[in-house]
Amino acid sequence: MSMIEIGAVLPTAMDELTDPGTPGVAVAARAVEERDLESLWVADLVLGDGTLALEPTLALAAAASVTRRVRLGFGVLSVPPRPAPWLAAQVATLQHLSADRIILGVGVGGFPDSPLWRALGVPSTGRGRTTDAVLDLLPPLVTGEEVRFASADTTLRLAPPAPMPPLL
């Protein structure tokens, strides 16, 4: 078996998002599974500059809802714009929706000067440290452990817990 990106099944993101006759994510995900491929991957390319892109966690949720076997991967998810608790909730939810088929490819992000990053107030420097800090918190949050956030003077335990997916 091999891997394939959703984009390899469909013409292009521009066609998919602008041509109502082009199949969407669900049809593409079913096609990947029907071809007996090992996995499908989505990229995190929401830039906020008019470039057409779907939010990757929602795209994978749609794919999870119409497939049963194919692995579902982020290739790759930009960590710095996402707070650890929110990312953990998304990952755990995807694990539940997909019956534990998520592969979590992560990175520091390739477009730190994009309008989206600027609007979110994410600095373009320190991305590695931010990513490391989030990745330290992610496993205990996803698996339902109690995590202390001293800076917010609170503890957090997400439920229902989920297995931490493979991290690339």
N, C-alpha and C. Protein backbone atom coordinates (compact mmCIF):
# COMPACT_ATOMS: atom_id res chain seq x y z
N MET A 1 0.84 -1.17 0.00
CA MET A 1 0.00 0.00 0.00
C MET A 1 0.89 1.24 0.00
N SER A 2 0.33 2.35 -0.44
CA SER A 2 1.10 3.59 -0.49
C SER A 2 0.27 4.75 0.04
N MET A 3 0.91 5.92 0.11
CA MET A 3 0.24 7.13 0.59
C MET A 3 -0.19 7.96 -0.60
N ILE A 4 -1.21 8.80 -0.37
CA ILE A 4 -1.64 9.75 -1.39
C ILE A 4 -2.25 10.95 -0.70
N GLU A 5 -2.04 12.11 -1.22
CA GLU A 5 -2.69 13.30 -0.70
C GLU A 5 -4.05 13.44 -1.37
N ILE A 6 -5.00 14.04 -0.68
CA ILE A 6 -6.32 14.27 -1.26
C ILE A 6 -6.17 14.99 -2.59
N GLY A 7 -5.26 15.94 -2.68
CA GLY A 7 -5.06 16.71 -3.90
C GLY A 7 -4.67 15.86 -5.09
N ALA A 8 -4.08 14.69 -4.84
CA ALA A 8 -3.70 13.83 -5.95
C ALA A 8 -4.91 13.13 -6.55
N VAL A 9 -5.99 13.02 -5.80
CA VAL A 9 -7.21 12.39 -6.30
C VAL A 9 -8.08 13.41 -7.02
N LEU A 10 -8.07 14.63 -6.50
CA LEU A 10 -8.88 15.70 -7.08
C LEU A 10 -7.99 16.61 -7.93
N PRO A 11 -8.55 17.36 -8.86
CA PRO A 11 -7.73 18.22 -9.71
C PRO A 11 -6.85 19.20 -8.94
N THR A 12 -7.39 20.20 -8.31
CA THR A 12 -6.63 21.14 -7.49
C THR A 12 -7.55 21.73 -6.45
N ALA A 13 -6.96 22.35 -5.43
CA ALA A 13 -7.79 23.00 -4.41
C ALA A 13 -8.65 24.09 -5.04
N MET A 14 -8.08 24.82 -5.99
CA MET A 14 -8.83 25.89 -6.66
C MET A 14 -10.06 25.30 -7.34
N ASP A 15 -9.89 24.21 -8.08
CA ASP A 15 -11.03 23.57 -8.75
C ASP A 15 -12.05 23.07 -7.73
N GLU A 16 -11.54 22.41 -6.68
CA GLU A 16 -12.43 21.83 -5.68
C GLU A 16 -13.28 22.89 -5.00
N LEU A 17 -12.67 24.02 -4.69
CA LEU A 17 -13.38 25.04 -3.92
C LEU A 17 -14.20 25.99 -4.78
N THR A 18 -13.96 26.04 -6.08
CA THR A 18 -14.68 26.99 -6.92
C THR A 18 -15.61 26.33 -7.92
N ASP A 19 -15.40 25.08 -8.25
CA ASP A 19 -16.23 24.39 -9.23
C ASP A 19 -17.21 23.47 -8.51
N PRO A 20 -18.51 23.82 -8.52
CA PRO A 20 -19.48 23.00 -7.79
C PRO A 20 -19.61 21.58 -8.34
N GLY A 21 -19.12 21.32 -9.53
CA GLY A 21 -19.19 19.97 -10.09
C GLY A 21 -18.05 19.08 -9.68
N THR A 22 -17.03 19.62 -9.02
CA THR A 22 -15.88 18.84 -8.60
C THR A 22 -16.17 18.18 -7.26
N PRO A 23 -15.83 16.89 -7.10
CA PRO A 23 -16.07 16.23 -5.82
C PRO A 23 -15.30 16.90 -4.69
N GLY A 24 -15.82 16.81 -3.48
CA GLY A 24 -15.19 17.42 -2.32
C GLY A 24 -14.38 16.43 -1.51
N VAL A 25 -14.08 16.81 -0.29
CA VAL A 25 -13.22 16.03 0.59
C VAL A 25 -13.78 14.64 0.83
N ALA A 26 -15.06 14.51 1.10
CA ALA A 26 -15.64 13.21 1.41
C ALA A 26 -15.49 12.25 0.23
N VAL A 27 -15.76 12.71 -0.96
CA VAL A 27 -15.62 11.86 -2.15
C VAL A 27 -14.16 11.46 -2.36
N ALA A 28 -13.25 12.42 -2.17
CA ALA A 28 -11.83 12.13 -2.32
C ALA A 28 -11.36 11.11 -1.28
N ALA A 29 -11.81 11.27 -0.03
CA ALA A 29 -11.42 10.35 1.02
C ALA A 29 -11.93 8.93 0.73
N ARG A 30 -13.16 8.83 0.27
CA ARG A 30 -13.69 7.51 -0.11
C ARG A 30 -12.87 6.90 -1.24
N ALA A 31 -12.48 7.73 -2.21
CA ALA A 31 -11.68 7.24 -3.34
C ALA A 31 -10.32 6.72 -2.87
N VAL A 32 -9.71 7.38 -1.91
CA VAL A 32 -8.43 6.92 -1.37
C VAL A 32 -8.62 5.55 -0.72
N GLU A 33 -9.67 5.41 0.07
CA GLU A 33 -9.92 4.14 0.75
C GLU A 33 -10.29 3.04 -0.25
N GLU A 34 -11.11 3.36 -1.23
CA GLU A 34 -11.50 2.36 -2.24
C GLU A 34 -10.32 1.87 -3.05
N ARG A 35 -9.30 2.72 -3.21
CA ARG A 35 -8.09 2.32 -3.95
C ARG A 35 -7.13 1.53 -3.07
N ASP A 36 -7.55 1.26 -1.84
CA ASP A 36 -6.79 0.48 -0.87
C ASP A 36 -5.44 1.11 -0.56
N LEU A 37 -5.41 2.44 -0.52
CA LEU A 37 -4.19 3.14 -0.15
C LEU A 37 -4.07 3.19 1.37
N GLU A 38 -2.85 3.34 1.85
CA GLU A 38 -2.58 3.29 3.28
C GLU A 38 -3.06 4.53 4.01
N SER A 39 -2.89 5.71 3.41
CA SER A 39 -3.20 6.93 4.13
C SER A 39 -3.51 8.08 3.20
N LEU A 40 -4.15 9.09 3.76
CA LEU A 40 -4.34 10.35 3.05
C LEU A 40 -3.90 11.47 3.97
N TRP A 41 -3.39 12.53 3.37
CA TRP A 41 -2.77 13.61 4.14
C TRP A 41 -3.32 14.96 3.69
N VAL A 42 -3.46 15.87 4.64
CA VAL A 42 -3.84 17.24 4.32
C VAL A 42 -2.77 18.20 4.83
N ALA A 43 -2.60 19.27 4.11
CA ALA A 43 -1.62 20.29 4.49
C ALA A 43 -2.30 21.43 5.24
N ASP A 44 -1.53 22.12 6.03
CA ASP A 44 -2.01 23.28 6.77
C ASP A 44 -1.56 24.52 6.02
N LEU A 45 -2.40 24.99 5.10
CA LEU A 45 -2.04 26.11 4.24
C LEU A 45 -3.01 27.27 4.33
N VAL A 46 -3.69 27.42 5.45
CA VAL A 46 -4.58 28.57 5.63
C VAL A 46 -3.71 29.79 5.90
N LEU A 47 -3.64 30.68 4.91
CA LEU A 47 -2.73 31.82 4.98
C LEU A 47 -3.45 33.14 5.27
N GLY A 48 -4.70 33.25 4.86
CA GLY A 48 -5.42 34.49 5.06
C GLY A 48 -5.12 35.55 4.01
N ASP A 49 -4.50 35.16 2.91
CA ASP A 49 -4.18 36.13 1.85
C ASP A 49 -5.01 35.90 0.59
N GLY A 50 -6.07 35.13 0.73
CA GLY A 50 -6.91 34.83 -0.42
C GLY A 50 -6.58 33.49 -1.07
N THR A 51 -5.49 32.84 -0.65
CA THR A 51 -5.15 31.52 -1.15
C THR A 51 -6.23 30.55 -0.69
N LEU A 52 -6.76 29.76 -1.62
CA LEU A 52 -7.80 28.81 -1.27
C LEU A 52 -7.21 27.66 -0.46
N ALA A 53 -7.79 27.39 0.70
CA ALA A 53 -7.34 26.29 1.55
C ALA A 53 -8.42 25.96 2.56
N LEU A 54 -8.53 24.69 2.87
CA LEU A 54 -9.46 24.24 3.90
C LEU A 54 -8.70 24.07 5.21
N GLU A 55 -9.35 24.33 6.33
CA GLU A 55 -8.73 24.14 7.63
C GLU A 55 -8.50 22.63 7.81
N PRO A 56 -7.27 22.20 8.12
CA PRO A 56 -6.93 20.78 8.06
C PRO A 56 -7.62 19.89 9.07
N THR A 57 -7.88 20.36 10.30
CA THR A 57 -8.55 19.47 11.25
C THR A 57 -9.98 19.19 10.82
N LEU A 58 -10.63 20.19 10.24
CA LEU A 58 -12.01 19.97 9.77
C LEU A 58 -12.03 19.09 8.53
N ALA A 59 -11.04 19.26 7.64
CA ALA A 59 -10.96 18.40 6.46
C ALA A 59 -10.75 16.95 6.87
N LEU A 60 -9.89 16.71 7.86
CA LEU A 60 -9.68 15.33 8.33
C LEU A 60 -10.90 14.79 9.06
N ALA A 61 -11.64 15.65 9.75
CA ALA A 61 -12.89 15.20 10.38
C ALA A 61 -13.88 14.72 9.32
N ALA A 62 -13.97 15.46 8.22
CA ALA A 62 -14.85 15.05 7.13
C ALA A 62 -14.38 13.72 6.55
N ALA A 63 -13.08 13.58 6.36
CA ALA A 63 -12.54 12.32 5.82
C ALA A 63 -12.79 11.16 6.79
N ALA A 64 -12.63 11.42 8.08
CA ALA A 64 -12.87 10.37 9.08
C ALA A 64 -14.31 9.89 9.07
N SER A 65 -15.23 10.81 8.78
CA SER A 65 -16.65 10.45 8.84
C SER A 65 -17.09 9.53 7.71
N VAL A 66 -16.31 9.44 6.65
CA VAL A 66 -16.73 8.63 5.49
C VAL A 66 -15.77 7.49 5.19
N THR A 67 -14.78 7.27 6.06
CA THR A 67 -13.83 6.17 5.87
C THR A 67 -13.78 5.32 7.12
N ARG A 68 -13.24 4.13 6.99
CA ARG A 68 -13.14 3.22 8.14
C ARG A 68 -11.74 2.68 8.36
N ARG A 69 -10.90 2.65 7.31
CA ARG A 69 -9.61 1.99 7.41
C ARG A 69 -8.42 2.90 7.16
N VAL A 70 -8.50 3.76 6.18
CA VAL A 70 -7.36 4.57 5.75
C VAL A 70 -6.87 5.47 6.90
N ARG A 71 -5.54 5.57 7.07
CA ARG A 71 -4.95 6.45 8.06
C ARG A 71 -5.10 7.90 7.59
N LEU A 72 -5.21 8.84 8.52
CA LEU A 72 -5.48 10.24 8.22
C LEU A 72 -4.36 11.10 8.81
N GLY A 73 -3.62 11.79 7.92
CA GLY A 73 -2.45 12.50 8.40
C GLY A 73 -2.43 13.98 8.11
N PHE A 74 -1.76 14.70 9.01
CA PHE A 74 -1.44 16.10 8.80
C PHE A 74 -0.06 16.15 8.16
N GLY A 75 0.03 16.80 7.02
CA GLY A 75 1.34 16.86 6.37
C GLY A 75 1.74 18.26 5.98
N VAL A 76 2.10 19.10 6.86
CA VAL A 76 2.20 19.07 8.30
C VAL A 76 1.31 20.16 8.90
N LEU A 77 1.07 20.02 10.19
CA LEU A 77 0.27 20.99 10.93
C LEU A 77 1.21 22.02 11.56
N SER A 78 0.95 23.29 11.34
CA SER A 78 1.75 24.36 11.95
C SER A 78 1.34 24.49 13.41
N VAL A 79 2.28 24.26 14.31
CA VAL A 79 1.98 24.26 15.74
C VAL A 79 1.91 25.67 16.35
N PRO A 80 2.82 26.60 16.03
CA PRO A 80 2.85 27.88 16.77
C PRO A 80 1.54 28.67 16.83
N PRO A 81 0.68 28.66 15.81
CA PRO A 81 -0.56 29.43 15.96
C PRO A 81 -1.61 28.78 16.86
N ARG A 82 -1.36 27.56 17.32
CA ARG A 82 -2.38 26.80 18.05
C ARG A 82 -1.98 26.61 19.51
N PRO A 83 -2.76 27.11 20.45
CA PRO A 83 -2.48 26.85 21.86
C PRO A 83 -2.58 25.35 22.16
N ALA A 84 -1.72 24.87 23.04
CA ALA A 84 -1.67 23.43 23.36
C ALA A 84 -3.03 22.86 23.76
N PRO A 85 -3.81 23.50 24.65
CA PRO A 85 -5.09 22.90 25.02
C PRO A 85 -6.05 22.76 23.84
N TRP A 86 -6.09 23.75 22.97
CA TRP A 86 -7.00 23.69 21.83
C TRP A 86 -6.55 22.60 20.86
N LEU A 87 -5.24 22.55 20.57
CA LEU A 87 -4.72 21.52 19.67
C LEU A 87 -4.97 20.13 20.24
N ALA A 88 -4.78 19.97 21.54
CA ALA A 88 -5.03 18.67 22.17
C ALA A 88 -6.49 18.26 22.04
N ALA A 89 -7.41 19.21 22.24
CA ALA A 89 -8.83 18.90 22.09
C ALA A 89 -9.14 18.48 20.66
N GLN A 90 -8.54 19.16 19.68
CA GLN A 90 -8.76 18.80 18.28
C GLN A 90 -8.21 17.40 17.98
N VAL A 91 -7.00 17.13 18.43
CA VAL A 91 -6.37 15.83 18.18
C VAL A 91 -7.17 14.71 18.83
N ALA A 92 -7.55 14.89 20.09
CA ALA A 92 -8.33 13.86 20.78
C ALA A 92 -9.67 13.63 20.09
N THR A 93 -10.31 14.69 19.67
CA THR A 93 -11.59 14.55 18.96
C THR A 93 -11.40 13.80 17.66
N LEU A 94 -10.37 14.15 16.90
CA LEU A 94 -10.10 13.43 15.65
C LEU A 94 -9.79 11.96 15.91
N GLN A 95 -9.08 11.67 16.98
CA GLN A 95 -8.81 10.27 17.31
C GLN A 95 -10.12 9.52 17.56
N HIS A 96 -11.05 10.15 18.25
CA HIS A 96 -12.35 9.51 18.50
C HIS A 96 -13.16 9.37 17.21
N LEU A 97 -13.21 10.42 16.41
CA LEU A 97 -13.98 10.37 15.17
C LEU A 97 -13.43 9.35 14.18
N SER A 98 -12.13 9.13 14.22
CA SER A 98 -11.47 8.25 13.25
C SER A 98 -11.18 6.86 13.77
N ALA A 99 -11.54 6.55 14.99
CA ALA A 99 -11.17 5.29 15.62
C ALA A 99 -9.64 5.14 15.65
N ASP A 100 -8.97 6.18 16.09
CA ASP A 100 -7.51 6.18 16.32
C ASP A 100 -6.69 6.00 15.05
N ARG A 101 -7.07 6.69 13.98
CA ARG A 101 -6.33 6.56 12.71
C ARG A 101 -5.52 7.80 12.36
N ILE A 102 -5.33 8.73 13.29
CA ILE A 102 -4.64 9.98 13.01
C ILE A 102 -3.13 9.79 13.05
N ILE A 103 -2.45 10.46 12.13
CA ILE A 103 -0.99 10.59 12.14
C ILE A 103 -0.72 12.09 12.22
N LEU A 104 0.00 12.50 13.24
CA LEU A 104 0.17 13.92 13.50
C LEU A 104 1.55 14.39 13.04
N GLY A 105 1.60 14.86 11.80
CA GLY A 105 2.81 15.50 11.30
C GLY A 105 2.78 16.96 11.71
N VAL A 106 3.84 17.43 12.37
CA VAL A 106 3.87 18.79 12.88
C VAL A 106 5.12 19.52 12.41
N GLY A 107 5.03 20.84 12.43
CA GLY A 107 6.17 21.69 12.10
C GLY A 107 6.01 23.07 12.70
N VAL A 108 7.02 23.90 12.45
CA VAL A 108 7.03 25.25 13.01
C VAL A 108 6.29 26.24 12.13
N GLY A 109 5.88 25.83 10.94
CA GLY A 109 5.13 26.70 10.05
C GLY A 109 6.02 27.39 9.04
N GLY A 110 5.58 27.40 7.81
CA GLY A 110 6.37 27.97 6.74
C GLY A 110 5.95 29.36 6.32
N PHE A 111 4.90 29.90 6.91
CA PHE A 111 4.37 31.20 6.47
C PHE A 111 4.13 32.12 7.66
N PRO A 112 5.14 32.36 8.51
CA PRO A 112 4.91 33.14 9.73
C PRO A 112 4.56 34.61 9.49
N ASP A 113 4.80 35.10 8.28
CA ASP A 113 4.45 36.49 8.00
C ASP A 113 3.11 36.61 7.26
N SER A 114 2.37 35.50 7.19
CA SER A 114 1.08 35.53 6.49
C SER A 114 0.07 36.38 7.26
N PRO A 115 -0.95 36.86 6.58
CA PRO A 115 -1.98 37.65 7.27
C PRO A 115 -2.64 36.89 8.43
N LEU A 116 -2.83 35.57 8.30
CA LEU A 116 -3.46 34.81 9.37
C LEU A 116 -2.59 34.84 10.62
N TRP A 117 -1.31 34.54 10.47
CA TRP A 117 -0.41 34.54 11.63
C TRP A 117 -0.36 35.92 12.26
N ARG A 118 -0.30 36.97 11.44
CA ARG A 118 -0.26 38.33 11.98
C ARG A 118 -1.56 38.65 12.72
N ALA A 119 -2.70 38.25 12.15
CA ALA A 119 -4.00 38.51 12.79
C ALA A 119 -4.13 37.76 14.12
N LEU A 120 -3.51 36.59 14.19
CA LEU A 120 -3.54 35.81 15.43
C LEU A 120 -2.53 36.31 16.45
N GLY A 121 -1.64 37.21 16.02
CA GLY A 121 -0.63 37.73 16.94
C GLY A 121 0.50 36.76 17.22
N VAL A 122 0.76 35.83 16.28
CA VAL A 122 1.82 34.84 16.46
C VAL A 122 3.13 35.43 15.95
N PRO A 123 4.13 35.56 16.82
CA PRO A 123 5.40 36.13 16.36
C PRO A 123 6.13 35.18 15.40
N SER A 124 6.90 35.76 14.50
CA SER A 124 7.63 34.94 13.53
C SER A 124 8.92 34.39 14.14
N THR A 125 9.34 34.91 15.28
CA THR A 125 10.53 34.39 15.94
C THR A 125 10.10 33.50 17.10
N GLY A 126 10.98 32.60 17.51
CA GLY A 126 10.68 31.72 18.64
C GLY A 126 9.76 30.57 18.30
N ARG A 127 9.57 30.31 17.01
CA ARG A 127 8.63 29.25 16.61
C ARG A 127 9.07 27.87 17.09
N GLY A 128 10.38 27.62 17.10
CA GLY A 128 10.88 26.32 17.57
C GLY A 128 10.61 26.11 19.04
N ARG A 129 10.87 27.13 19.86
CA ARG A 129 10.60 27.03 21.30
C ARG A 129 9.10 26.86 21.56
N THR A 130 8.29 27.60 20.83
CA THR A 130 6.83 27.48 20.98
C THR A 130 6.38 26.07 20.63
N THR A 131 6.88 25.56 19.52
CA THR A 131 6.51 24.20 19.09
C THR A 131 6.94 23.18 20.13
N ASP A 132 8.16 23.28 20.62
CA ASP A 132 8.64 22.34 21.65
C ASP A 132 7.76 22.38 22.89
N ALA A 133 7.39 23.58 23.32
CA ALA A 133 6.55 23.72 24.52
C ALA A 133 5.18 23.08 24.31
N VAL A 134 4.57 23.30 23.15
CA VAL A 134 3.26 22.70 22.86
C VAL A 134 3.39 21.17 22.78
N LEU A 135 4.44 20.68 22.13
CA LEU A 135 4.62 19.23 21.99
C LEU A 135 4.89 18.55 23.33
N ASP A 136 5.48 19.27 24.29
CA ASP A 136 5.66 18.72 25.63
C ASP A 136 4.32 18.52 26.34
N LEU A 137 3.39 19.45 26.10
CA LEU A 137 2.07 19.40 26.76
C LEU A 137 1.08 18.48 26.04
N LEU A 138 1.28 18.27 24.76
CA LEU A 138 0.27 17.57 23.96
C LEU A 138 -0.04 16.15 24.44
N PRO A 139 0.94 15.27 24.64
CA PRO A 139 0.60 13.90 25.05
C PRO A 139 -0.21 13.81 26.35
N PRO A 140 0.20 14.49 27.42
CA PRO A 140 -0.63 14.36 28.61
C PRO A 140 -2.03 14.97 28.45
N LEU A 141 -2.15 16.02 27.67
CA LEU A 141 -3.47 16.61 27.45
C LEU A 141 -4.36 15.67 26.63
N VAL A 142 -3.83 15.12 25.54
CA VAL A 142 -4.62 14.23 24.69
C VAL A 142 -5.05 12.99 25.46
N THR A 143 -4.15 12.44 26.29
CA THR A 143 -4.46 11.20 26.99
C THR A 143 -5.24 11.41 28.28
N GLY A 144 -5.66 12.65 28.55
CA GLY A 144 -6.56 12.91 29.65
C GLY A 144 -5.92 13.12 31.00
N GLU A 145 -4.61 13.34 31.04
CA GLU A 145 -3.96 13.63 32.32
C GLU A 145 -4.25 15.07 32.74
N GLU A 146 -4.19 15.30 34.03
CA GLU A 146 -4.34 16.65 34.54
C GLU A 146 -3.03 17.40 34.30
N VAL A 147 -3.12 18.59 33.72
CA VAL A 147 -1.95 19.41 33.41
C VAL A 147 -2.12 20.76 34.09
N ARG A 148 -1.07 21.19 34.76
CA ARG A 148 -1.07 22.47 35.46
C ARG A 148 -0.55 23.56 34.54
N PHE A 149 -1.29 24.66 34.44
CA PHE A 149 -0.88 25.84 33.69
C PHE A 149 -0.65 26.95 34.71
N ALA A 150 0.59 27.06 35.18
CA ALA A 150 0.93 28.03 36.23
C ALA A 150 0.65 29.45 35.77
N SER A 151 0.94 29.75 34.50
CA SER A 151 0.74 31.11 34.01
C SER A 151 -0.73 31.53 34.04
N ALA A 152 -1.63 30.57 33.99
CA ALA A 152 -3.06 30.88 34.03
C ALA A 152 -3.68 30.51 35.38
N ASP A 153 -2.84 30.02 36.30
CA ASP A 153 -3.28 29.61 37.63
C ASP A 153 -4.48 28.66 37.55
N THR A 154 -4.30 27.60 36.72
CA THR A 154 -5.38 26.62 36.58
C THR A 154 -4.80 25.26 36.20
N THR A 155 -5.61 24.25 36.39
CA THR A 155 -5.29 22.91 35.89
C THR A 155 -6.34 22.56 34.85
N LEU A 156 -5.96 21.65 33.97
CA LEU A 156 -6.83 21.27 32.87
C LEU A 156 -6.77 19.76 32.68
N ARG A 157 -7.92 19.14 32.53
CA ARG A 157 -8.00 17.72 32.17
C ARG A 157 -9.06 17.60 31.08
N LEU A 158 -8.63 17.17 29.90
CA LEU A 158 -9.55 17.01 28.78
C LEU A 158 -10.17 15.62 28.80
N ALA A 159 -11.44 15.54 28.44
CA ALA A 159 -12.13 14.27 28.39
C ALA A 159 -13.08 14.28 27.21
N PRO A 160 -13.31 13.17 26.59
CA PRO A 160 -12.73 11.89 26.91
C PRO A 160 -11.28 11.80 26.43
N PRO A 161 -10.46 11.05 27.17
CA PRO A 161 -9.08 10.89 26.74
C PRO A 161 -9.01 10.07 25.45
N ALA A 162 -7.89 10.19 24.77
CA ALA A 162 -7.66 9.44 23.53
C ALA A 162 -6.21 9.01 23.49
N PRO A 163 -5.91 7.98 22.71
CA PRO A 163 -4.50 7.63 22.53
C PRO A 163 -3.77 8.74 21.76
N MET A 164 -2.55 9.03 22.18
CA MET A 164 -1.75 10.01 21.46
C MET A 164 -1.37 9.39 20.11
N PRO A 165 -1.66 10.09 19.00
CA PRO A 165 -1.32 9.52 17.69
C PRO A 165 0.18 9.56 17.44
N PRO A 166 0.64 8.80 16.47
CA PRO A 166 2.06 8.89 16.08
C PRO A 166 2.39 10.33 15.72
N LEU A 167 3.53 10.80 16.21
CA LEU A 167 3.96 12.18 16.00
C LEU A 167 5.17 12.19 15.08
N LEU A 168 5.02 12.91 13.97
CA LEU A 168 6.11 13.02 13.01
C LEU A 168 6.60 14.45 12.97
